[in-house]
C-alpha atoms as a PDB file:
ATOM      1  CA  MET A   1      31.944  35.955  10.105  1.00  0.00           C
ATOM      2  CA  ASP A   2      34.802  36.526   7.695  1.00  0.00           C
ATOM      3  CA  MET A   3      34.941  35.629   4.005  1.00  0.00           C
ATOM      4  CA  SER A   4      36.510  32.173   4.468  1.00  0.00           C
ATOM      5  CA  ASP A   5      33.782  31.193   6.941  1.00  0.00           C
ATOM      6  CA  ARG A   6      31.105  32.233   4.472  1.00  0.00           C
ATOM      7  CA  GLU A   7      32.768  30.270   1.678  1.00  0.00           C
ATOM      8  CA  ASN A   8      32.984  27.186   3.898  1.00  0.00           C
ATOM      9  CA  ALA A   9      29.332  27.557   4.891  1.00  0.00           C
ATOM     10  CA  ASN A  10      28.311  27.899   1.235  1.00  0.00           C
ATOM     11  CA  GLU A  11      30.325  24.814   0.292  1.00  0.00           C
ATOM     12  CA  THR A  12      28.823  22.845   3.178  1.00  0.00           C
ATOM     13  CA  ALA A  13      25.305  23.911   2.209  1.00  0.00           C
ATOM     14  CA  SER A  14      25.985  23.029  -1.409  1.00  0.00           C
ATOM     15  CA  ASP A  15      27.331  19.616  -0.403  1.00  0.00           C
ATOM     16  CA  LEU A  16      24.294  18.971   1.796  1.00  0.00           C
ATOM     17  CA  LEU A  17      21.947  19.989  -0.998  1.00  0.00           C
ATOM     18  CA  GLU A  18      23.709  17.699  -3.459  1.00  0.00           C
ATOM     19  CA  SER A  19      23.612  14.822  -0.975  1.00  0.00           C
ATOM     20  CA  ALA A  20      19.901  15.382  -0.343  1.00  0.00           C
ATOM     21  CA  ALA A  21      19.214  15.437  -4.088  1.00  0.00           C
ATOM     22  CA  GLN A  22      21.100  12.162  -4.555  1.00  0.00           C
ATOM     23  CA  CYS A  23      19.161  10.528  -1.704  1.00  0.00           C
ATOM     24  CA  ALA A  24      15.862  11.727  -3.140  1.00  0.00           C
ATOM     25  CA  ALA A  25      16.778  10.416  -6.590  1.00  0.00           C
ATOM     26  CA  SER A  26      17.773   7.070  -5.104  1.00  0.00           C
ATOM     27  CA  ASP A  27      14.506   6.866  -3.170  1.00  0.00           C
ATOM     28  CA  LEU A  28      12.538   7.669  -6.328  1.00  0.00           C
ATOM     29  CA  LEU A  29      14.370   4.960  -8.243  1.00  0.00           C
ATOM     30  CA  ASP A  30      13.591   2.449  -5.476  1.00  0.00           C
ATOM     31  CA  LEU A  31       9.933   3.468  -5.545  1.00  0.00           C
ATOM     32  CA  ALA A  32       9.813   3.151  -9.334  1.00  0.00           C
ATOM     33  CA  ALA A  33      11.295  -0.354  -9.119  1.00  0.00           C
ATOM     34  CA  GLN A  34       8.709  -1.358  -6.511  1.00  0.00           C
ATOM     35  CA  LEU A  35       5.887   0.027  -8.638  1.00  0.00           C
ATOM     36  CA  ALA A  36       7.177  -1.859 -11.665  1.00  0.00           C
ATOM     37  CA  GLY A  37       7.186  -5.073  -9.617  1.00  0.00           C
ATOM     38  CA  LEU A  38       3.645  -4.426  -8.456  1.00  0.00           C
ATOM     39  CA  ALA A  39       2.553  -3.790 -12.033  1.00  0.00           C
ATOM     40  CA  GLU A  40       3.990  -7.150 -13.073  1.00  0.00           C
ATOM     41  CA  ASP A  41       2.182  -8.843 -10.176  1.00  0.00           C
ATOM     42  CA  LEU A  42      -1.085  -7.190 -11.188  1.00  0.00           C
ATOM     43  CA  LYS A  43      -0.635  -8.306 -14.794  1.00  0.00           C
ATOM     44  CA  ALA A  44      -0.102 -11.882 -13.629  1.00  0.00           C
ATOM     45  CA  LEU A  45      -3.182 -11.721 -11.397  1.00  0.00           C
ATOM     46  CA  ALA A  46      -5.282 -10.182 -14.155  1.00  0.00           C
ATOM     47  CA  ALA A  47      -4.405 -13.080 -16.451  1.00  0.00           C
ATOM     48  CA  LYS A  48      -5.875 -15.605 -14.006  1.00  0.00           C
ATOM     49  CA  PRO A  49      -9.645 -16.137 -14.031  1.00  0.00           C
ATOM     50  CA  ILE A  50     -11.535 -15.603 -10.804  1.00  0.00           C
ATOM     51  CA  VAL A  51     -13.223 -18.865  -9.880  1.00  0.00           C
ATOM     52  CA  PRO A  52     -15.489 -18.813  -6.830  1.00  0.00           C
ATOM     53  CA  PRO A  53     -15.168 -21.852  -4.574  1.00  0.00           C
ATOM     54  CA  SER A  54     -18.072 -24.271  -4.749  1.00  0.00           C
ATOM     55  CA  THR A  55     -20.119 -24.500  -1.572  1.00  0.00           C
ATOM     56  CA  SER A  56     -19.658 -28.277  -1.467  1.00  0.00           C
ATOM     57  CA  GLN A  57     -15.926 -27.779  -0.890  1.00  0.00           C
ATOM     58  CA  LEU A  58     -16.424 -25.532   2.129  1.00  0.00           C
ATOM     59  CA  GLU A  59     -16.259 -26.918   5.640  1.00  0.00           C
ATOM     60  CA  PRO A  60     -19.437 -26.480   7.727  1.00  0.00           C
ATOM     61  CA  ASP A  61     -17.785 -23.660   9.694  1.00  0.00           C
ATOM     62  CA  ASP A  62     -16.924 -21.911   6.420  1.00  0.00           C
ATOM     63  CA  GLN A  63     -20.530 -21.708   5.190  1.00  0.00           C
ATOM     64  CA  PRO A  64     -21.810 -18.153   4.750  1.00  0.00           C
ATOM     65  CA  ARG A  65     -23.980 -16.977   7.617  1.00  0.00           C
ATOM     66  CA  ALA A  66     -26.883 -14.564   7.665  1.00  0.00           C
ATOM     67  CA  SER A  67     -25.714 -10.996   7.947  1.00  0.00           C
ATOM     68  CA  SER A  68     -26.031  -9.275  11.294  1.00  0.00           C
ATOM     69  CA  SER A  69     -28.364  -6.679   9.760  1.00  0.00           C
ATOM     70  CA  SER A  70     -31.010  -9.326   8.952  1.00  0.00           C
ATOM     71  CA  SER A  71     -30.863 -10.795  12.450  1.00  0.00           C
ATOM     72  CA  PHE A  72     -31.087  -7.264  13.837  1.00  0.00           C
ATOM     73  CA  ARG A  73     -34.297  -6.651  11.864  1.00  0.00           C
ATOM     74  CA  GLY A  74     -35.754  -9.848  13.268  1.00  0.00           C
ATOM     75  CA  ALA A  75     -34.854  -8.793  16.791  1.00  0.00           C
ATOM     76  CA  ALA A  76     -36.458  -5.399  16.261  1.00  0.00           C
ATOM     77  CA  ARG A  77     -39.787  -7.045  15.343  1.00  0.00           C
ATOM     78  CA  HIS A  78     -39.843  -8.961  18.619  1.00  0.00           C
ATOM     79  CA  VAL A  79     -39.184  -5.864  20.734  1.00  0.00           C
ATOM     80  CA  SER A  80     -42.298  -3.912  19.750  1.00  0.00           C
END
């Protein structure tokens, strides 16, 4: 490899490094913008009170059911 080949390789490597740095900076700026948007969304959500739905508004299929662990305990009593 002669001197001109080495210089070309160094320039190419330098160009690639600069391009990679620009891409990384662009990606970081995009991520920062997304995080800022999420922060605004969280602020808006935090300003709203959490109001649980009343059980009278739920459809019969939407009513809470007994957990599977309680029905499992009942089944275990019948086995012994």
